[in-house]
């Protein structure tokens, strides 16, 4: 098939198929040789496998596979008869229609995927990371050491929860924030930090 025939079969313009052939020729030497030797007066004639490789480059594996199956069916004559040129023309029209339909459907699917990705919520900040950010901003805004700001947050947490996380964590020999998280109170600490950070 020439690039013009491939273009008609897949519902694309010939220039697009020529670009596909050139790109495929970089990987498949036989196609590259034919592209180099091709001219408007003597266009390259690609065999079935080369044609399938060109279509696969431009439209993907599913389209190439469908083209291959349709082409194989078209080359097998019906029992007791042979296909005429008109039969081949009709088959080519059917293949072109199927390929154009497949191309449109693939475009719709890709557009829907992009729309859904745009609707996905952004990843959430983990409570510990959010608390650390609030403490860092608080320390910077109040010109204090980072460790001092953490101590102030833990005191505020203790006032609000009527507890002493520093002593409880010390008894368990673990960092205070790990103790609070182990007790399932990290959400409470985050809420306290958000309110405390506004002050």
Protein backbone atom coordinates (compact mmCIF):
# COMPACT_ATOMS: atom_id res chain seq x y z
CA UNK A 1 0.00 0.00 0.00
CA UNK A 2 1.15 3.53 -0.68
CA UNK A 3 0.90 6.28 1.91
CA UNK A 4 -2.10 7.62 0.01
CA UNK A 5 -3.87 4.25 0.21
CA UNK A 6 -3.02 3.91 3.91
CA UNK A 7 -4.35 7.43 4.53
CA UNK A 8 -7.63 6.57 2.79
CA UNK A 9 -7.89 3.28 4.72
CA UNK A 10 -7.44 4.91 8.13
CA UNK A 11 -9.23 8.19 7.47
CA UNK A 12 -6.17 10.44 7.79
CA UNK A 13 -4.46 12.81 5.38
CA UNK A 14 -1.51 11.56 3.34
CA UNK A 15 0.98 13.98 4.89
CA UNK A 16 0.22 12.57 8.36
CA UNK A 17 0.79 9.01 7.14
CA UNK A 18 4.05 10.12 5.47
CA UNK A 19 5.24 11.45 8.86
CA UNK A 20 4.27 8.13 10.49
CA UNK A 21 6.20 6.22 7.79
CA UNK A 22 9.29 8.40 8.26
CA UNK A 23 9.21 7.95 12.05
CA UNK A 24 8.65 4.20 11.71
CA UNK A 25 11.48 4.03 9.16
CA UNK A 26 13.91 5.08 11.86
CA UNK A 27 13.15 1.79 13.64
CA UNK A 28 12.33 -0.53 10.72
CA UNK A 29 15.09 -0.50 8.06
CA UNK A 30 12.90 -1.82 5.21
CA UNK A 31 10.45 1.05 5.73
CA UNK A 32 13.31 3.54 6.03
CA UNK A 33 14.74 2.34 2.71
CA UNK A 34 11.38 2.70 0.99
CA UNK A 35 10.81 6.18 2.46
CA UNK A 36 14.25 7.29 1.20
CA UNK A 37 13.65 5.91 -2.30
CA UNK A 38 10.08 7.23 -2.54
CA UNK A 39 9.16 10.13 -4.82
CA UNK A 40 5.86 11.65 -6.00
CA UNK A 41 6.28 9.90 -9.36
CA UNK A 42 7.28 6.59 -7.77
CA UNK A 43 5.63 6.31 -4.30
CA UNK A 44 6.76 3.62 -1.88
CA UNK A 45 4.63 0.48 -1.79
CA UNK A 46 4.53 -1.06 1.71
CA UNK A 47 3.66 -4.70 2.38
CA UNK A 48 1.08 -5.69 5.00
CA UNK A 49 3.53 -5.90 7.95
CA UNK A 50 5.13 -2.56 7.06
CA UNK A 51 1.69 -0.97 6.69
CA UNK A 52 0.65 -2.37 10.08
CA UNK A 53 3.86 -0.99 11.68
CA UNK A 54 3.15 2.47 10.22
CA UNK A 55 -0.46 2.42 11.46
CA UNK A 56 0.66 1.20 14.88
CA UNK A 57 3.07 4.13 15.17
CA UNK A 58 0.34 6.63 14.33
CA UNK A 59 -2.78 5.14 15.89
CA UNK A 60 -1.65 2.53 18.38
CA UNK A 61 -1.65 -1.25 18.67
CA UNK A 62 -5.43 -1.72 18.74
CA UNK A 63 -5.93 0.11 15.45
CA UNK A 64 -3.01 -1.75 13.83
CA UNK A 65 -4.33 -5.11 15.01
CA UNK A 66 -7.81 -4.34 13.67
CA UNK A 67 -6.33 -3.29 10.33
CA UNK A 68 -4.25 -6.48 10.14
CA UNK A 69 -7.26 -8.71 10.84
CA UNK A 70 -9.43 -6.90 8.29
CA UNK A 71 -6.64 -7.01 5.70
CA UNK A 72 -6.10 -10.75 6.22
CA UNK A 73 -9.82 -11.41 5.82
CA UNK A 74 -9.86 -9.29 2.68
CA UNK A 75 -6.97 -11.27 1.16
CA UNK A 76 -8.64 -14.67 1.65
CA UNK A 77 -10.99 -15.31 -1.28
CA UNK A 78 -14.43 -16.67 -0.52
CA UNK A 79 -14.70 -20.39 -1.21
CA UNK A 80 -15.38 -20.99 -4.87
CA UNK A 81 -14.82 -17.35 -5.87
CA UNK A 82 -12.21 -14.62 -5.92
CA UNK A 83 -12.49 -11.01 -4.91
CA UNK A 84 -12.83 -8.42 -7.59
CA UNK A 85 -11.25 -5.00 -7.57
CA UNK A 86 -14.66 -3.61 -6.59
CA UNK A 87 -14.79 -6.01 -3.64
CA UNK A 88 -11.39 -4.76 -2.51
CA UNK A 89 -12.57 -1.17 -2.88
CA UNK A 90 -15.65 -1.88 -0.76
CA UNK A 91 -13.54 -3.60 1.87
CA UNK A 92 -11.13 -0.66 1.88
CA UNK A 93 -14.06 1.70 2.45
CA UNK A 94 -15.31 -0.42 5.33
CA UNK A 95 -11.86 -0.55 6.90
CA UNK A 96 -11.51 3.23 6.50
CA UNK A 97 -14.87 3.74 8.17
CA UNK A 98 -13.99 1.40 11.04
CA UNK A 99 -10.60 3.04 11.50
CA UNK A 100 -12.12 6.54 11.49
CA UNK A 101 -14.72 5.40 14.03
CA UNK A 102 -12.04 3.79 16.19
CA UNK A 103 -9.89 6.91 16.00
CA UNK A 104 -12.84 9.09 17.07
CA UNK A 105 -13.68 6.74 19.94
CA UNK A 106 -10.05 6.72 21.12
CA UNK A 107 -10.08 10.54 21.06
CA UNK A 108 -13.28 10.56 23.17
CA UNK A 109 -11.78 8.11 25.67
CA UNK A 110 -8.58 10.18 25.99
CA UNK A 111 -10.63 13.36 26.50
CA UNK A 112 -12.73 11.69 29.22
CA UNK A 113 -9.58 10.45 30.99
CA UNK A 114 -8.15 13.98 30.98
CA UNK A 115 -11.44 15.38 32.33
CA UNK A 116 -11.51 12.84 35.16
CA UNK A 117 -7.90 13.51 36.08
CA UNK A 118 -8.70 17.22 36.32
CA UNK A 119 -11.52 16.42 38.77
CA UNK A 120 -9.34 14.35 41.12
CA UNK A 121 -8.81 16.07 44.46
CA UNK A 122 -5.26 17.14 45.26
CA UNK A 123 -3.35 14.91 47.69
CA UNK A 124 -4.03 15.75 51.32
CA UNK A 125 -1.30 16.93 53.68
CA UNK A 126 -0.71 14.40 56.46
CA UNK A 127 -1.58 15.68 59.95
CA UNK A 128 2.03 15.42 61.21
CA UNK A 129 3.33 17.34 58.20
CA UNK A 130 0.65 20.00 58.64
CA UNK A 131 1.45 20.34 62.37
CA UNK A 132 5.17 20.66 61.59
CA UNK A 133 4.45 23.37 59.01
CA UNK A 134 2.27 25.31 61.48
CA UNK A 135 4.93 25.10 64.21
CA UNK A 136 7.63 26.22 61.77
CA UNK A 137 5.54 29.21 60.64
CA UNK A 138 4.67 30.08 64.26
CA UNK A 139 8.34 29.95 65.31
CA UNK A 140 9.35 32.15 62.39
CA UNK A 141 6.53 34.66 62.95
CA UNK A 142 7.30 34.94 66.68
CA UNK A 143 11.10 34.86 66.28
CA UNK A 144 11.60 31.83 68.51
CA UNK A 145 13.49 28.56 68.34
CA UNK A 146 11.74 25.69 66.63
CA UNK A 147 12.00 23.47 69.76
CA UNK A 148 10.53 26.27 71.91
CA UNK A 149 7.56 26.54 69.55
CA UNK A 150 6.98 22.77 69.82
CA UNK A 151 7.04 23.07 73.62
CA UNK A 152 4.48 25.89 73.45
CA UNK A 153 2.21 23.77 71.24
CA UNK A 154 2.45 20.78 73.60
CA UNK A 155 1.60 23.02 76.58
CA UNK A 156 -1.42 24.38 74.70
CA UNK A 157 -2.46 20.84 73.81
CA UNK A 158 -2.14 19.84 77.49
CA UNK A 159 -4.31 22.78 78.61
CA UNK A 160 -7.01 21.96 76.11
CA UNK A 161 -7.07 18.20 76.67
CA UNK A 162 -6.42 18.29 80.41
CA UNK A 163 -3.37 16.05 80.00
CA UNK A 164 0.41 16.21 80.16
CA UNK A 165 1.74 14.66 76.97
CA UNK A 166 5.38 15.37 77.91
CA UNK A 167 5.21 13.20 81.08
CA UNK A 168 3.08 10.50 79.43
CA UNK A 169 5.50 10.24 76.49
CA UNK A 170 8.47 10.22 78.86
CA UNK A 171 6.94 7.32 80.82
CA UNK A 172 6.66 5.38 77.57
CA UNK A 173 10.13 6.48 76.45
CA UNK A 174 8.92 7.84 73.14
CA UNK A 175 8.79 11.24 71.43
CA UNK A 176 5.76 13.32 72.40
CA UNK A 177 4.27 13.47 68.91
CA UNK A 178 4.64 9.67 68.54
CA UNK A 179 2.84 9.23 71.88
CA UNK A 180 0.00 11.54 70.77
CA UNK A 181 -0.30 9.69 67.47
CA UNK A 182 -0.24 6.28 69.21
CA UNK A 183 -3.10 7.46 71.44
CA UNK A 184 -5.10 8.36 68.31
CA UNK A 185 -5.08 12.07 69.16
CA UNK A 186 -3.03 13.40 66.23
CA UNK A 187 -6.19 14.95 64.73
CA UNK A 188 -6.82 16.77 67.99
CA UNK A 189 -3.22 18.02 68.07
CA UNK A 190 -3.63 19.25 64.48
CA UNK A 191 -6.84 21.11 65.40
CA UNK A 192 -5.13 22.68 68.43
CA UNK A 193 -2.11 23.63 66.26
CA UNK A 194 -4.34 25.30 63.64
CA UNK A 195 -6.12 27.37 66.30
CA UNK A 196 -2.90 28.04 68.24
CA UNK A 197 -1.04 29.06 65.08
CA UNK A 198 -3.54 31.86 64.44
CA UNK A 199 -2.67 33.57 67.70
